[in-house]
């Protein structure tokens, strides 16, 4: 994986021909065009948990078509 600076406050991660773009909100000096790196990190944790839930659901033949994970977070002071 390679992460490069793409101008403004945008990092772009490249891996296997895919990319994930981050950006800061306007009040943080960015353009607000993508999730912040912090939100991408939180989303990746939720997706990781979701994958394990899907594996278990498939293994035990449980329905999962409408599965949804809701994540709330709060930044520490």
N, C-alpha and C. Protein backbone atom coordinates (compact mmCIF):
# COMPACT_ATOMS: atom_id res chain seq x y z
N UNK A 1 0.85 -1.17 0.00
CA UNK A 1 0.00 0.00 0.00
C UNK A 1 0.89 1.23 0.00
N UNK A 2 0.47 2.21 -0.76
CA UNK A 2 1.17 3.50 -0.82
C UNK A 2 0.15 4.58 -0.52
N UNK A 3 0.51 5.51 0.35
CA UNK A 3 -0.33 6.68 0.62
C UNK A 3 0.41 7.89 0.10
N UNK A 4 -0.27 8.66 -0.75
CA UNK A 4 0.36 9.85 -1.31
C UNK A 4 -0.45 11.09 -0.99
N UNK A 5 0.21 12.22 -1.02
CA UNK A 5 -0.41 13.52 -0.82
C UNK A 5 -0.94 13.99 -2.16
N UNK A 6 -2.23 14.36 -2.21
CA UNK A 6 -2.85 14.75 -3.48
C UNK A 6 -3.25 16.22 -3.49
N UNK A 7 -2.61 17.04 -2.69
CA UNK A 7 -2.93 18.46 -2.64
C UNK A 7 -3.95 18.76 -1.57
N UNK A 8 -4.03 20.01 -1.17
CA UNK A 8 -4.96 20.39 -0.11
C UNK A 8 -4.68 19.60 1.14
N UNK A 9 -5.69 18.93 1.64
CA UNK A 9 -5.57 18.07 2.82
C UNK A 9 -6.01 16.65 2.47
N UNK A 10 -5.69 16.21 1.22
CA UNK A 10 -6.14 14.91 0.72
C UNK A 10 -5.02 13.89 0.67
N UNK A 11 -5.12 12.84 1.50
CA UNK A 11 -4.27 11.68 1.30
C UNK A 11 -5.04 10.65 0.46
N UNK A 12 -4.32 9.94 -0.39
CA UNK A 12 -4.93 8.86 -1.17
C UNK A 12 -4.11 7.60 -0.95
N UNK A 13 -4.77 6.54 -0.50
CA UNK A 13 -4.12 5.25 -0.31
C UNK A 13 -4.36 4.40 -1.55
N UNK A 14 -3.29 3.80 -2.07
CA UNK A 14 -3.37 2.93 -3.26
C UNK A 14 -2.98 1.51 -2.86
N UNK A 15 -3.79 0.54 -3.30
CA UNK A 15 -3.48 -0.86 -3.02
C UNK A 15 -4.17 -1.73 -4.07
N UNK A 16 -3.41 -2.55 -4.75
CA UNK A 16 -3.93 -3.49 -5.75
C UNK A 16 -4.82 -2.84 -6.79
N UNK A 17 -4.48 -1.63 -7.22
CA UNK A 17 -5.27 -0.95 -8.23
C UNK A 17 -6.51 -0.25 -7.68
N UNK A 18 -6.71 -0.31 -6.39
CA UNK A 18 -7.85 0.35 -5.74
C UNK A 18 -7.34 1.56 -4.98
N UNK A 19 -8.24 2.46 -4.64
CA UNK A 19 -7.81 3.61 -3.84
C UNK A 19 -8.87 4.04 -2.85
N UNK A 20 -8.40 4.59 -1.75
CA UNK A 20 -9.26 5.18 -0.73
C UNK A 20 -8.80 6.62 -0.54
N UNK A 21 -9.73 7.55 -0.68
CA UNK A 21 -9.41 8.97 -0.61
C UNK A 21 -9.90 9.53 0.71
N UNK A 22 -9.09 10.33 1.34
CA UNK A 22 -9.48 11.03 2.56
C UNK A 22 -9.41 12.53 2.31
N UNK A 23 -10.09 13.29 3.14
CA UNK A 23 -10.05 14.75 3.06
C UNK A 23 -10.49 15.30 4.41
N UNK A 24 -10.10 16.49 4.70
CA UNK A 24 -10.54 17.17 5.90
C UNK A 24 -11.74 18.05 5.55
N UNK A 25 -12.60 18.32 6.53
CA UNK A 25 -13.70 19.25 6.27
C UNK A 25 -13.16 20.65 6.03
N UNK A 26 -14.00 21.51 5.50
CA UNK A 26 -13.56 22.88 5.19
C UNK A 26 -13.02 23.60 6.42
N UNK A 27 -13.67 23.40 7.58
CA UNK A 27 -13.19 24.08 8.78
C UNK A 27 -11.83 23.53 9.25
N UNK A 28 -11.40 22.39 8.70
CA UNK A 28 -10.10 21.82 9.03
C UNK A 28 -9.07 22.05 7.94
N UNK A 29 -9.38 22.92 6.98
CA UNK A 29 -8.42 23.23 5.93
C UNK A 29 -8.57 22.41 4.67
N UNK A 30 -9.54 21.50 4.63
CA UNK A 30 -9.75 20.68 3.44
C UNK A 30 -10.93 21.19 2.63
N UNK A 31 -11.40 20.33 1.73
CA UNK A 31 -12.53 20.67 0.87
C UNK A 31 -13.80 19.91 1.25
N UNK A 32 -13.68 18.95 2.17
CA UNK A 32 -14.85 18.16 2.57
C UNK A 32 -15.36 17.22 1.50
N UNK A 33 -14.48 16.77 0.60
CA UNK A 33 -14.90 15.94 -0.53
C UNK A 33 -14.88 14.44 -0.24
N UNK A 34 -14.37 14.05 0.92
CA UNK A 34 -14.28 12.63 1.27
C UNK A 34 -14.32 12.50 2.79
N UNK A 35 -14.45 11.28 3.26
CA UNK A 35 -14.39 11.06 4.70
C UNK A 35 -13.02 11.46 5.22
N UNK A 36 -12.99 11.90 6.46
CA UNK A 36 -11.70 12.20 7.08
C UNK A 36 -10.96 10.89 7.34
N UNK A 37 -9.65 10.93 7.45
CA UNK A 37 -8.92 9.71 7.78
C UNK A 37 -9.43 9.06 9.07
N UNK A 38 -9.83 9.86 10.05
CA UNK A 38 -10.37 9.31 11.30
C UNK A 38 -11.66 8.54 11.02
N UNK A 39 -12.54 9.10 10.21
CA UNK A 39 -13.80 8.40 9.90
C UNK A 39 -13.55 7.16 9.05
N UNK A 40 -12.56 7.21 8.16
CA UNK A 40 -12.20 6.02 7.39
C UNK A 40 -11.70 4.92 8.32
N UNK A 41 -10.94 5.29 9.35
CA UNK A 41 -10.44 4.31 10.33
C UNK A 41 -11.61 3.67 11.07
N UNK A 42 -12.55 4.50 11.54
CA UNK A 42 -13.72 3.99 12.26
C UNK A 42 -14.55 3.09 11.34
N UNK A 43 -14.73 3.51 10.10
CA UNK A 43 -15.48 2.70 9.13
C UNK A 43 -14.78 1.37 8.89
N UNK A 44 -13.46 1.37 8.81
CA UNK A 44 -12.74 0.12 8.56
C UNK A 44 -12.91 -0.85 9.73
N UNK A 45 -12.95 -0.34 10.96
CA UNK A 45 -13.20 -1.21 12.11
C UNK A 45 -14.60 -1.81 12.03
N UNK A 46 -15.60 -1.00 11.68
CA UNK A 46 -16.97 -1.49 11.57
C UNK A 46 -17.08 -2.52 10.45
N UNK A 47 -16.40 -2.28 9.32
CA UNK A 47 -16.44 -3.24 8.21
C UNK A 47 -15.77 -4.55 8.61
N UNK A 48 -14.71 -4.47 9.38
CA UNK A 48 -14.02 -5.68 9.84
C UNK A 48 -14.95 -6.51 10.71
N UNK A 49 -15.64 -5.87 11.65
CA UNK A 49 -16.61 -6.57 12.49
C UNK A 49 -17.71 -7.16 11.61
N UNK A 50 -18.18 -6.38 10.64
CA UNK A 50 -19.23 -6.86 9.75
C UNK A 50 -18.85 -8.10 8.97
N UNK A 51 -17.61 -8.16 8.51
CA UNK A 51 -17.15 -9.34 7.77
C UNK A 51 -17.20 -10.59 8.65
N UNK A 52 -16.77 -10.46 9.91
CA UNK A 52 -16.84 -11.61 10.82
C UNK A 52 -18.28 -12.03 11.08
N UNK A 53 -19.18 -11.07 11.22
CA UNK A 53 -20.60 -11.39 11.41
C UNK A 53 -21.13 -12.11 10.17
N UNK A 54 -20.75 -11.64 8.97
CA UNK A 54 -21.19 -12.31 7.75
C UNK A 54 -20.69 -13.75 7.67
N UNK A 55 -19.40 -13.97 8.00
CA UNK A 55 -18.87 -15.33 8.02
C UNK A 55 -19.68 -16.23 8.95
N UNK A 56 -19.96 -15.72 10.16
CA UNK A 56 -20.73 -16.52 11.11
C UNK A 56 -22.15 -16.76 10.62
N UNK A 57 -22.79 -15.74 10.07
CA UNK A 57 -24.15 -15.89 9.56
C UNK A 57 -24.20 -16.93 8.44
N UNK A 58 -23.24 -16.86 7.53
CA UNK A 58 -23.22 -17.84 6.44
C UNK A 58 -22.96 -19.25 6.97
N UNK A 59 -22.03 -19.36 7.90
CA UNK A 59 -21.69 -20.68 8.45
C UNK A 59 -22.90 -21.31 9.14
N UNK A 60 -23.70 -20.51 9.81
CA UNK A 60 -24.85 -21.03 10.55
C UNK A 60 -26.17 -20.84 9.79
N UNK A 61 -26.05 -20.51 8.50
CA UNK A 61 -27.20 -20.37 7.61
C UNK A 61 -28.25 -19.41 8.18
N UNK A 62 -27.77 -18.28 8.68
CA UNK A 62 -28.65 -17.25 9.21
C UNK A 62 -28.81 -16.16 8.15
N UNK A 63 -29.98 -15.51 8.08
CA UNK A 63 -30.17 -14.44 7.10
C UNK A 63 -29.30 -13.22 7.46
N UNK A 64 -28.78 -12.59 6.43
CA UNK A 64 -27.93 -11.42 6.66
C UNK A 64 -28.14 -10.33 5.62
N UNK A 65 -29.10 -10.50 4.71
CA UNK A 65 -29.28 -9.58 3.60
C UNK A 65 -29.50 -8.14 4.03
N UNK A 66 -30.19 -7.92 5.13
CA UNK A 66 -30.48 -6.56 5.58
C UNK A 66 -29.61 -6.14 6.76
N UNK A 67 -28.47 -6.80 6.91
CA UNK A 67 -27.59 -6.47 8.02
C UNK A 67 -27.10 -5.02 7.90
N UNK A 68 -27.01 -4.37 9.03
CA UNK A 68 -26.54 -3.00 9.06
C UNK A 68 -25.82 -2.78 10.38
N UNK A 69 -24.69 -2.10 10.32
CA UNK A 69 -23.94 -1.78 11.52
C UNK A 69 -23.97 -0.27 11.68
N UNK A 70 -24.41 0.18 12.84
CA UNK A 70 -24.44 1.61 13.13
C UNK A 70 -23.35 1.91 14.14
N UNK A 71 -22.51 2.88 13.82
CA UNK A 71 -21.37 3.22 14.67
C UNK A 71 -21.50 4.66 15.13
N UNK A 72 -21.37 4.88 16.42
CA UNK A 72 -21.30 6.22 16.97
C UNK A 72 -19.93 6.38 17.60
N UNK A 73 -19.37 7.55 17.47
CA UNK A 73 -18.07 7.78 18.08
C UNK A 73 -18.01 9.20 18.62
N UNK A 74 -17.08 9.40 19.51
CA UNK A 74 -16.88 10.73 20.08
C UNK A 74 -15.38 10.93 20.23
N UNK A 75 -14.91 12.07 19.79
CA UNK A 75 -13.49 12.39 19.90
C UNK A 75 -13.18 12.77 21.35
N UNK A 76 -12.09 12.23 21.87
CA UNK A 76 -11.66 12.58 23.23
C UNK A 76 -11.18 14.03 23.26
N UNK A 77 -11.32 14.65 24.39
CA UNK A 77 -10.86 16.04 24.55
C UNK A 77 -9.35 16.12 24.66
